[in-house]
Amino acid sequence: MADEGNIISDLDLGNGEDTAPAAGIISQYVKDLSVENPNAPESFAWQDAPQVDVQFNIGARAIEGEVHEVELKITCASRNEGGTAFAVELSYCALVGMRNIDEQQAHAFLFAEAPRILFPFARRVIADAVRDAGFAPLMLEPIDFNGLYVQQLQSQAQSVEAGMGEPAGHA
């Protein structure tokens, strides 16, 4: 019980600066959205089951100081025997603030955690765009961004070990 009074005195308060690691979303926005319905109105009568192709890509860039932009690009297209029913391309972005985070943790936040946070909002934009094009909303399945990030790191490590890839800056 005598040690309870020493809790604060045992902490290193430094000079009062905020040195705790922090990362978070500052704002989110649609950077680019394209919706095509090239075979309307005939496509509304097609009876063949469509094949839906979904591709995504993640990018990040430094904006200024502790602020980065994370970009989640999603492309969806529905096709069948008659042609393309719809195509949607979305670039959904966020401004991310990070401070007092080492490079490895920052990279993981930008390429795994931030896309995980953004995905439900991007998913809604796509569902609304497809619905507004005259089709049933396209509800994308959840994506395990953290699992994909770990897979990509492992793949890169294996490529370097096998001599297939050289670190950047080597000729």
N, C-alpha and C. Protein backbone atom coordinates (compact mmCIF):
# COMPACT_ATOMS: atom_id res chain seq x y z
N MET A 1 0.82 -1.19 0.00
CA MET A 1 0.00 0.00 0.00
C MET A 1 0.86 1.25 0.00
N ALA A 2 2.04 1.19 0.59
CA ALA A 2 2.90 2.37 0.66
C ALA A 2 3.41 2.78 -0.71
N ASP A 3 3.46 1.83 -1.67
CA ASP A 3 3.98 2.14 -3.00
C ASP A 3 2.95 2.86 -3.87
N GLU A 4 1.68 2.87 -3.49
CA GLU A 4 0.66 3.49 -4.33
C GLU A 4 0.92 4.97 -4.56
N GLY A 5 1.46 5.66 -3.61
CA GLY A 5 1.72 7.09 -3.75
C GLY A 5 2.88 7.38 -4.69
N ASN A 6 3.68 6.38 -5.05
CA ASN A 6 4.85 6.61 -5.89
C ASN A 6 4.61 6.29 -7.36
N ILE A 7 3.38 6.00 -7.74
CA ILE A 7 3.10 5.61 -9.12
C ILE A 7 3.52 6.72 -10.09
N ILE A 8 3.09 7.93 -9.85
CA ILE A 8 3.40 9.02 -10.77
C ILE A 8 4.87 9.37 -10.71
N SER A 9 5.48 9.33 -9.55
CA SER A 9 6.89 9.70 -9.45
C SER A 9 7.79 8.69 -10.16
N ASP A 10 7.30 7.47 -10.39
CA ASP A 10 8.10 6.47 -11.09
C ASP A 10 8.05 6.64 -12.60
N LEU A 11 7.10 7.41 -13.13
CA LEU A 11 6.99 7.62 -14.56
C LEU A 11 7.99 8.67 -15.02
N ASP A 12 8.50 8.48 -16.24
CA ASP A 12 9.40 9.47 -16.82
C ASP A 12 8.55 10.46 -17.60
N LEU A 13 8.27 11.60 -17.02
CA LEU A 13 7.41 12.58 -17.65
C LEU A 13 8.16 13.48 -18.61
N GLY A 14 9.46 13.41 -18.65
CA GLY A 14 10.24 14.23 -19.59
C GLY A 14 9.95 15.70 -19.39
N ASN A 15 9.85 16.40 -20.51
CA ASN A 15 9.63 17.85 -20.43
C ASN A 15 8.18 18.23 -20.72
N GLY A 16 7.28 17.28 -20.65
CA GLY A 16 5.87 17.55 -20.89
C GLY A 16 5.44 17.35 -22.33
N GLU A 17 6.36 17.00 -23.22
CA GLU A 17 6.00 16.76 -24.62
C GLU A 17 5.18 15.48 -24.74
N ASP A 18 4.35 15.44 -25.76
CA ASP A 18 3.56 14.25 -26.03
C ASP A 18 4.42 13.30 -26.85
N THR A 19 4.99 12.31 -26.20
CA THR A 19 5.89 11.38 -26.89
C THR A 19 5.28 10.00 -27.07
N ALA A 20 4.01 9.86 -26.73
CA ALA A 20 3.35 8.56 -26.88
C ALA A 20 3.08 8.30 -28.36
N PRO A 21 3.21 7.05 -28.80
CA PRO A 21 2.88 6.73 -30.20
C PRO A 21 1.40 6.98 -30.46
N ALA A 22 1.10 7.53 -31.64
CA ALA A 22 -0.29 7.80 -32.00
C ALA A 22 -0.45 7.70 -33.51
N ALA A 23 -1.57 7.14 -33.93
CA ALA A 23 -1.92 7.06 -35.35
C ALA A 23 -3.43 7.09 -35.46
N GLY A 24 -3.92 7.79 -36.47
CA GLY A 24 -5.36 7.85 -36.64
C GLY A 24 -5.75 8.47 -37.96
N ILE A 25 -7.02 8.32 -38.29
CA ILE A 25 -7.59 8.86 -39.51
C ILE A 25 -8.00 10.31 -39.25
N ILE A 26 -7.49 11.22 -40.08
CA ILE A 26 -7.85 12.63 -39.97
C ILE A 26 -9.13 12.91 -40.75
N SER A 27 -9.18 12.42 -41.99
CA SER A 27 -10.37 12.58 -42.81
C SER A 27 -10.40 11.50 -43.89
N GLN A 28 -11.58 11.27 -44.45
CA GLN A 28 -11.77 10.29 -45.52
C GLN A 28 -12.49 10.97 -46.66
N TYR A 29 -12.24 10.50 -47.89
CA TYR A 29 -12.89 11.12 -49.03
C TYR A 29 -12.82 10.24 -50.27
N VAL A 30 -13.77 10.46 -51.17
CA VAL A 30 -13.74 9.83 -52.49
C VAL A 30 -12.85 10.72 -53.35
N LYS A 31 -11.76 10.14 -53.83
CA LYS A 31 -10.85 10.90 -54.69
C LYS A 31 -11.27 10.77 -56.16
N ASP A 32 -11.74 9.59 -56.54
CA ASP A 32 -12.18 9.37 -57.91
C ASP A 32 -13.21 8.25 -57.91
N LEU A 33 -14.27 8.44 -58.69
CA LEU A 33 -15.31 7.43 -58.81
C LEU A 33 -15.81 7.43 -60.24
N SER A 34 -15.78 6.26 -60.85
CA SER A 34 -16.27 6.09 -62.21
C SER A 34 -17.26 4.94 -62.22
N VAL A 35 -18.43 5.18 -62.80
CA VAL A 35 -19.46 4.15 -62.92
C VAL A 35 -19.86 4.08 -64.38
N GLU A 36 -19.77 2.89 -64.94
CA GLU A 36 -20.16 2.71 -66.34
C GLU A 36 -21.26 1.66 -66.40
N ASN A 37 -22.23 1.95 -67.24
CA ASN A 37 -23.36 1.06 -67.49
C ASN A 37 -23.49 0.98 -69.01
N PRO A 38 -22.49 0.39 -69.69
CA PRO A 38 -22.35 0.54 -71.14
C PRO A 38 -23.43 -0.14 -71.99
N ASN A 39 -24.11 -1.13 -71.46
CA ASN A 39 -25.09 -1.87 -72.26
C ASN A 39 -26.53 -1.66 -71.80
N ALA A 40 -26.76 -0.57 -71.05
CA ALA A 40 -28.12 -0.26 -70.62
C ALA A 40 -28.90 0.25 -71.82
N PRO A 41 -30.14 -0.01 -71.94
CA PRO A 41 -31.01 -0.72 -71.01
C PRO A 41 -31.06 -2.23 -71.26
N GLU A 42 -30.42 -2.70 -72.33
CA GLU A 42 -30.49 -4.13 -72.64
C GLU A 42 -29.95 -5.00 -71.49
N SER A 43 -28.92 -4.52 -70.80
CA SER A 43 -28.30 -5.32 -69.73
C SER A 43 -29.27 -5.63 -68.59
N PHE A 44 -30.32 -4.83 -68.42
CA PHE A 44 -31.28 -5.08 -67.35
C PHE A 44 -32.12 -6.33 -67.61
N ALA A 45 -32.18 -6.76 -68.85
CA ALA A 45 -32.99 -7.93 -69.20
C ALA A 45 -32.16 -9.21 -69.30
N TRP A 46 -30.85 -9.13 -69.17
CA TRP A 46 -30.01 -10.32 -69.29
C TRP A 46 -30.34 -11.31 -68.17
N GLN A 47 -30.44 -12.58 -68.55
CA GLN A 47 -30.79 -13.63 -67.59
C GLN A 47 -29.58 -14.45 -67.17
N ASP A 48 -28.48 -14.42 -67.94
CA ASP A 48 -27.29 -15.20 -67.60
C ASP A 48 -26.68 -14.72 -66.29
N ALA A 49 -26.17 -15.67 -65.53
CA ALA A 49 -25.50 -15.31 -64.28
C ALA A 49 -24.22 -14.55 -64.60
N PRO A 50 -24.03 -13.39 -63.98
CA PRO A 50 -22.82 -12.61 -64.27
C PRO A 50 -21.60 -13.14 -63.52
N GLN A 51 -20.44 -12.85 -64.07
CA GLN A 51 -19.19 -13.09 -63.36
C GLN A 51 -18.70 -11.72 -62.89
N VAL A 52 -18.49 -11.61 -61.61
CA VAL A 52 -18.05 -10.34 -61.04
C VAL A 52 -16.57 -10.45 -60.71
N ASP A 53 -15.80 -9.51 -61.26
CA ASP A 53 -14.37 -9.46 -61.02
C ASP A 53 -14.09 -8.26 -60.13
N VAL A 54 -13.36 -8.48 -59.03
CA VAL A 54 -13.02 -7.42 -58.09
C VAL A 54 -11.50 -7.40 -57.92
N GLN A 55 -10.91 -6.25 -58.11
CA GLN A 55 -9.47 -6.05 -57.92
C GLN A 55 -9.29 -4.88 -56.95
N PHE A 56 -8.24 -4.94 -56.16
CA PHE A 56 -7.96 -3.79 -55.30
C PHE A 56 -6.45 -3.59 -55.19
N ASN A 57 -6.10 -2.36 -54.86
CA ASN A 57 -4.71 -1.98 -54.71
C ASN A 57 -4.63 -0.94 -53.60
N ILE A 58 -3.53 -0.95 -52.87
CA ILE A 58 -3.34 -0.01 -51.77
C ILE A 58 -2.09 0.80 -52.04
N GLY A 59 -2.20 2.10 -51.86
CA GLY A 59 -1.05 2.98 -52.02
C GLY A 59 -0.99 3.95 -50.86
N ALA A 60 0.18 4.46 -50.60
CA ALA A 60 0.35 5.46 -49.54
C ALA A 60 1.47 6.41 -49.95
N ARG A 61 1.30 7.67 -49.56
CA ARG A 61 2.34 8.65 -49.84
C ARG A 61 2.36 9.68 -48.73
N ALA A 62 3.56 10.21 -48.48
CA ALA A 62 3.71 11.25 -47.47
C ALA A 62 3.16 12.55 -48.04
N ILE A 63 2.42 13.28 -47.23
CA ILE A 63 1.87 14.57 -47.64
C ILE A 63 2.73 15.68 -47.06
N GLU A 64 2.79 15.72 -45.74
CA GLU A 64 3.59 16.75 -45.08
C GLU A 64 3.83 16.33 -43.63
N GLY A 65 5.07 16.24 -43.26
CA GLY A 65 5.41 15.91 -41.88
C GLY A 65 4.83 14.57 -41.44
N GLU A 66 3.91 14.63 -40.50
CA GLU A 66 3.33 13.43 -39.91
C GLU A 66 2.05 12.99 -40.61
N VAL A 67 1.71 13.61 -41.74
CA VAL A 67 0.46 13.30 -42.44
C VAL A 67 0.77 12.53 -43.73
N HIS A 68 0.02 11.45 -43.93
CA HIS A 68 0.14 10.61 -45.13
C HIS A 68 -1.25 10.45 -45.75
N GLU A 69 -1.25 10.15 -47.06
CA GLU A 69 -2.49 9.81 -47.73
C GLU A 69 -2.45 8.32 -48.03
N VAL A 70 -3.51 7.61 -47.64
CA VAL A 70 -3.66 6.20 -47.97
C VAL A 70 -4.76 6.12 -49.01
N GLU A 71 -4.48 5.38 -50.10
CA GLU A 71 -5.44 5.26 -51.19
C GLU A 71 -5.81 3.79 -51.38
N LEU A 72 -7.10 3.52 -51.29
CA LEU A 72 -7.64 2.18 -51.52
C LEU A 72 -8.36 2.23 -52.87
N LYS A 73 -7.78 1.57 -53.87
CA LYS A 73 -8.39 1.54 -55.20
C LYS A 73 -9.11 0.21 -55.36
N ILE A 74 -10.37 0.27 -55.75
CA ILE A 74 -11.17 -0.93 -55.97
C ILE A 74 -11.81 -0.82 -57.35
N THR A 75 -11.65 -1.88 -58.14
CA THR A 75 -12.26 -1.96 -59.46
C THR A 75 -13.16 -3.18 -59.49
N CYS A 76 -14.41 -3.00 -59.90
CA CYS A 76 -15.38 -4.08 -59.99
C CYS A 76 -16.02 -4.06 -61.37
N ALA A 77 -16.20 -5.24 -61.94
CA ALA A 77 -16.89 -5.33 -63.22
C ALA A 77 -17.76 -6.57 -63.22
N SER A 78 -18.95 -6.44 -63.77
CA SER A 78 -19.88 -7.55 -63.91
C SER A 78 -20.06 -7.83 -65.39
N ARG A 79 -19.73 -9.06 -65.78
CA ARG A 79 -19.82 -9.45 -67.19
C ARG A 79 -20.56 -10.77 -67.32
N ASN A 80 -21.19 -10.95 -68.48
CA ASN A 80 -21.77 -12.24 -68.83
C ASN A 80 -21.71 -12.37 -70.35
N GLU A 81 -22.46 -13.33 -70.90
CA GLU A 81 -22.43 -13.59 -72.35
C GLU A 81 -22.76 -12.34 -73.17
N GLY A 82 -23.62 -11.50 -72.68
CA GLY A 82 -24.04 -10.31 -73.42
C GLY A 82 -23.03 -9.18 -73.40
N GLY A 83 -22.07 -9.23 -72.49
CA GLY A 83 -21.07 -8.16 -72.37
C GLY A 83 -20.94 -7.67 -70.95
N THR A 84 -20.54 -6.44 -70.82
CA THR A 84 -20.35 -5.83 -69.49
C THR A 84 -21.65 -5.19 -69.04
N ALA A 85 -22.11 -5.60 -67.87
CA ALA A 85 -23.31 -5.01 -67.29
C ALA A 85 -22.96 -3.69 -66.61
N PHE A 86 -21.93 -3.71 -65.76
CA PHE A 86 -21.47 -2.48 -65.12
C PHE A 86 -20.00 -2.59 -64.77
N ALA A 87 -19.38 -1.44 -64.63
CA ALA A 87 -17.99 -1.37 -64.19
C ALA A 87 -17.87 -0.17 -63.25
N VAL A 88 -17.23 -0.38 -62.10
CA VAL A 88 -17.05 0.67 -61.12
C VAL A 88 -15.58 0.73 -60.75
N GLU A 89 -15.03 1.94 -60.77
CA GLU A 89 -13.66 2.17 -60.31
C GLU A 89 -13.73 3.22 -59.22
N LEU A 90 -13.20 2.89 -58.07
CA LEU A 90 -13.23 3.80 -56.93
C LEU A 90 -11.83 3.99 -56.37
N SER A 91 -11.50 5.23 -56.11
CA SER A 91 -10.29 5.56 -55.38
C SER A 91 -10.76 6.25 -54.10
N TYR A 92 -10.71 5.50 -52.98
CA TYR A 92 -11.18 6.00 -51.69
C TYR A 92 -9.95 6.26 -50.83
N CYS A 93 -9.85 7.46 -50.28
CA CYS A 93 -8.62 7.86 -49.59
C CYS A 93 -8.89 8.34 -48.17
N ALA A 94 -7.79 8.42 -47.44
CA ALA A 94 -7.83 9.00 -46.10
C ALA A 94 -6.53 9.74 -45.84
N LEU A 95 -6.64 10.79 -45.09
CA LEU A 95 -5.45 11.43 -44.54
C LEU A 95 -5.21 10.79 -43.19
N VAL A 96 -3.99 10.32 -42.99
CA VAL A 96 -3.63 9.61 -41.78
C VAL A 96 -2.55 10.40 -41.05
N GLY A 97 -2.74 10.59 -39.78
CA GLY A 97 -1.73 11.26 -38.96
C GLY A 97 -1.02 10.23 -38.09
N MET A 98 0.31 10.32 -38.06
CA MET A 98 1.10 9.41 -37.22
C MET A 98 2.24 10.19 -36.59
N ARG A 99 2.51 9.87 -35.32
CA ARG A 99 3.66 10.48 -34.67
C ARG A 99 4.25 9.49 -33.67
N ASN A 100 5.54 9.58 -33.51
CA ASN A 100 6.27 8.75 -32.56
C ASN A 100 6.09 7.26 -32.83
N ILE A 101 6.06 6.91 -34.11
CA ILE A 101 5.91 5.51 -34.51
C ILE A 101 7.10 5.15 -35.38
N ASP A 102 7.72 4.00 -35.09
CA ASP A 102 8.88 3.61 -35.89
C ASP A 102 8.43 3.24 -37.30
N GLU A 103 9.39 3.18 -38.22
CA GLU A 103 9.10 2.98 -39.64
C GLU A 103 8.33 1.69 -39.92
N GLN A 104 8.69 0.61 -39.25
CA GLN A 104 8.02 -0.68 -39.48
C GLN A 104 6.55 -0.61 -39.06
N GLN A 105 6.29 -0.03 -37.91
CA GLN A 105 4.90 0.08 -37.45
C GLN A 105 4.10 1.05 -38.32
N ALA A 106 4.74 2.12 -38.78
CA ALA A 106 4.06 3.08 -39.65
C ALA A 106 3.68 2.42 -40.97
N HIS A 107 4.59 1.62 -41.52
CA HIS A 107 4.32 0.92 -42.78
C HIS A 107 3.14 -0.03 -42.59
N ALA A 108 3.12 -0.77 -41.50
CA ALA A 108 2.01 -1.69 -41.23
C ALA A 108 0.70 -0.94 -41.07
N PHE A 109 0.73 0.22 -40.43
CA PHE A 109 -0.50 0.98 -40.26
C PHE A 109 -1.00 1.49 -41.61
N LEU A 110 -0.09 2.00 -42.44
CA LEU A 110 -0.48 2.56 -43.74
C LEU A 110 -1.01 1.51 -44.71
N PHE A 111 -0.42 0.30 -44.69
CA PHE A 111 -0.76 -0.69 -45.70
C PHE A 111 -1.65 -1.85 -45.19
N ALA A 112 -1.96 -1.87 -43.92
CA ALA A 112 -2.83 -2.93 -43.40
C ALA A 112 -3.97 -2.35 -42.56
N GLU A 113 -3.64 -1.60 -41.54
CA GLU A 113 -4.68 -1.13 -40.62
C GLU A 113 -5.54 -0.02 -41.23
N ALA A 114 -4.94 0.97 -41.87
CA ALA A 114 -5.74 2.04 -42.47
C ALA A 114 -6.68 1.51 -43.55
N PRO A 115 -6.22 0.62 -44.47
CA PRO A 115 -7.17 0.06 -45.44
C PRO A 115 -8.30 -0.72 -44.77
N ARG A 116 -7.99 -1.40 -43.67
CA ARG A 116 -9.04 -2.14 -42.94
C ARG A 116 -10.10 -1.16 -42.42
N ILE A 117 -9.67 -0.01 -41.94
CA ILE A 117 -10.59 1.00 -41.44
C ILE A 117 -11.41 1.60 -42.59
N LEU A 118 -10.77 1.83 -43.73
CA LEU A 118 -11.43 2.48 -44.87
C LEU A 118 -12.41 1.56 -45.61
N PHE A 119 -12.13 0.27 -45.61
CA PHE A 119 -12.89 -0.65 -46.47
C PHE A 119 -14.40 -0.58 -46.30
N PRO A 120 -14.96 -0.58 -45.10
CA PRO A 120 -16.43 -0.54 -45.00
C PRO A 120 -17.04 0.70 -45.67
N PHE A 121 -16.34 1.82 -45.63
CA PHE A 121 -16.85 3.04 -46.26
C PHE A 121 -16.76 2.94 -47.78
N ALA A 122 -15.65 2.39 -48.28
CA ALA A 122 -15.50 2.19 -49.73
C ALA A 122 -16.53 1.17 -50.22
N ARG A 123 -16.76 0.15 -49.43
CA ARG A 123 -17.75 -0.88 -49.78
C ARG A 123 -19.13 -0.27 -49.96
N ARG A 124 -19.49 0.64 -49.08
CA ARG A 124 -20.78 1.32 -49.17
C ARG A 124 -20.87 2.18 -50.43
N VAL A 125 -19.79 2.90 -50.75
CA VAL A 125 -19.78 3.73 -51.96
C VAL A 125 -20.02 2.87 -53.19
N ILE A 126 -19.34 1.72 -53.26
CA ILE A 126 -19.51 0.82 -54.41
C ILE A 126 -20.92 0.25 -54.46
N ALA A 127 -21.44 -0.18 -53.33
CA ALA A 127 -22.81 -0.73 -53.30
C ALA A 127 -23.81 0.32 -53.79
N ASP A 128 -23.66 1.55 -53.34
CA ASP A 128 -24.56 2.62 -53.76
C ASP A 128 -24.41 2.92 -55.25
N ALA A 129 -23.17 2.94 -55.75
CA ALA A 129 -22.92 3.23 -57.17
C ALA A 129 -23.55 2.17 -58.06
N VAL A 130 -23.40 0.91 -57.69
CA VAL A 130 -23.99 -0.18 -58.48
C VAL A 130 -25.51 -0.11 -58.43
N ARG A 131 -26.06 0.17 -57.27
CA ARG A 131 -27.52 0.32 -57.13
C ARG A 131 -28.01 1.49 -57.97
N ASP A 132 -27.28 2.61 -57.94
CA ASP A 132 -27.68 3.79 -58.70
C ASP A 132 -27.56 3.55 -60.21
N ALA A 133 -26.76 2.56 -60.62
CA ALA A 133 -26.65 2.21 -62.04
C ALA A 133 -27.80 1.30 -62.47
N GLY A 134 -28.65 0.91 -61.52
CA GLY A 134 -29.84 0.12 -61.87
C GLY A 134 -29.76 -1.35 -61.53
N PHE A 135 -28.73 -1.77 -60.82
CA PHE A 135 -28.54 -3.17 -60.47
C PHE A 135 -28.69 -3.36 -58.97
N ALA A 136 -28.77 -4.61 -58.55
CA ALA A 136 -28.77 -4.90 -57.11
C ALA A 136 -27.43 -4.45 -56.53
N PRO A 137 -27.43 -3.88 -55.33
CA PRO A 137 -26.17 -3.42 -54.74
C PRO A 137 -25.14 -4.54 -54.67
N LEU A 138 -23.91 -4.23 -55.01
CA LEU A 138 -22.82 -5.19 -54.92
C LEU A 138 -22.21 -5.10 -53.52
N MET A 139 -22.41 -6.15 -52.73
CA MET A 139 -21.87 -6.17 -51.37
C MET A 139 -20.57 -6.96 -51.37
N LEU A 140 -19.47 -6.25 -51.36
CA LEU A 140 -18.16 -6.90 -51.37
C LEU A 140 -17.92 -7.66 -50.07
N GLU A 141 -17.29 -8.81 -50.20
CA GLU A 141 -16.92 -9.60 -49.03
C GLU A 141 -15.82 -8.88 -48.25
N PRO A 142 -15.80 -9.02 -46.94
CA PRO A 142 -14.71 -8.42 -46.15
C PRO A 142 -13.34 -8.94 -46.62
N ILE A 143 -12.34 -8.11 -46.49
CA ILE A 143 -10.97 -8.45 -46.90
C ILE A 143 -10.09 -8.43 -45.65
N ASP A 144 -9.26 -9.44 -45.50
CA ASP A 144 -8.32 -9.52 -44.38
C ASP A 144 -7.03 -8.79 -44.76
N PHE A 145 -7.03 -7.47 -44.60
CA PHE A 145 -5.88 -6.66 -45.00
C PHE A 145 -4.64 -6.99 -44.19
N ASN A 146 -4.82 -7.30 -42.90
CA ASN A 146 -3.66 -7.65 -42.08
C ASN A 146 -3.04 -8.96 -42.55
N GLY A 147 -3.86 -9.95 -42.86
CA GLY A 147 -3.36 -11.23 -43.37
C GLY A 147 -2.66 -11.07 -44.71
N LEU A 148 -3.24 -10.26 -45.59
CA LEU A 148 -2.61 -10.01 -46.89
C LEU A 148 -1.28 -9.28 -46.74
N TYR A 149 -1.22 -8.36 -45.78
CA TYR A 149 0.02 -7.62 -45.52
C TYR A 149 1.13 -8.57 -45.07
N VAL A 150 0.80 -9.46 -44.15
CA VAL A 150 1.79 -10.43 -43.66
C VAL A 150 2.23 -11.35 -44.80
N GLN A 151 1.28 -11.80 -45.62
CA GLN A 151 1.62 -12.64 -46.77
C GLN A 151 2.58 -11.93 -47.71
N GLN A 152 2.31 -10.65 -47.97
CA GLN A 152 3.17 -9.90 -48.89
C GLN A 152 4.57 -9.74 -48.32
N LEU A 153 4.67 -9.47 -47.03
CA LEU A 153 6.00 -9.36 -46.40
C LEU A 153 6.76 -10.68 -46.49
N GLN A 154 6.06 -11.78 -46.25
CA GLN A 154 6.71 -13.10 -46.34
C GLN A 154 7.15 -13.40 -47.76
N SER A 155 6.33 -13.05 -48.72
CA SER A 155 6.67 -13.27 -50.13
C SER A 155 7.88 -12.46 -50.53
N GLN A 156 7.94 -11.21 -50.08
CA GLN A 156 9.09 -10.35 -50.39
C GLN A 156 10.35 -10.91 -49.74
N ALA A 157 10.25 -11.39 -48.51
CA ALA A 157 11.41 -11.95 -47.82
C ALA A 157 11.91 -13.20 -48.54
N GLN A 158 10.99 -14.04 -49.02
CA GLN A 158 11.39 -15.24 -49.75
C GLN A 158 12.04 -14.89 -51.07
N SER A 159 11.56 -13.86 -51.75
CA SER A 159 12.15 -13.42 -53.01
C SER A 159 13.57 -12.94 -52.81
N VAL A 160 13.80 -12.19 -51.74
CA VAL A 160 15.14 -11.68 -51.46
C VAL A 160 16.07 -12.84 -51.10
N GLU A 161 15.57 -13.79 -50.31
CA GLU A 161 16.38 -14.95 -49.93
C GLU A 161 16.75 -15.78 -51.15
N ALA A 162 15.85 -15.89 -52.10
CA ALA A 162 16.09 -16.70 -53.29
C ALA A 162 16.93 -15.95 -54.33
N GLY A 163 17.24 -14.69 -54.03
CA GLY A 163 18.05 -13.90 -54.96
C GLY A 163 17.25 -13.33 -56.11
N MET A 164 15.93 -13.42 -56.00
CA MET A 164 15.07 -12.93 -57.08
C MET A 164 14.89 -11.43 -57.02
N GLY A 165 15.04 -10.87 -55.86
CA GLY A 165 14.88 -9.41 -55.73
C GLY A 165 16.02 -8.85 -54.94
N GLU A 166 16.48 -7.70 -55.35
CA GLU A 166 17.54 -7.02 -54.63
C GLU A 166 16.94 -5.82 -53.92
N PRO A 167 17.48 -5.47 -52.78
CA PRO A 167 16.98 -4.29 -52.09
C PRO A 167 17.10 -3.06 -52.99
N ALA A 168 16.22 -2.11 -52.79
CA ALA A 168 16.25 -0.90 -53.60
C ALA A 168 17.58 -0.19 -53.46
N GLY A 169 18.04 0.40 -54.54
CA GLY A 169 19.30 1.14 -54.50
C GLY A 169 20.48 0.34 -55.00
N HIS A 170 20.29 -0.94 -55.28
CA HIS A 170 21.38 -1.77 -55.80
C HIS A 170 21.22 -1.92 -57.31
N ALA A 171 22.34 -1.91 -58.00
CA ALA A 171 22.28 -2.04 -59.46
C ALA A 171 22.61 -3.45 -59.87
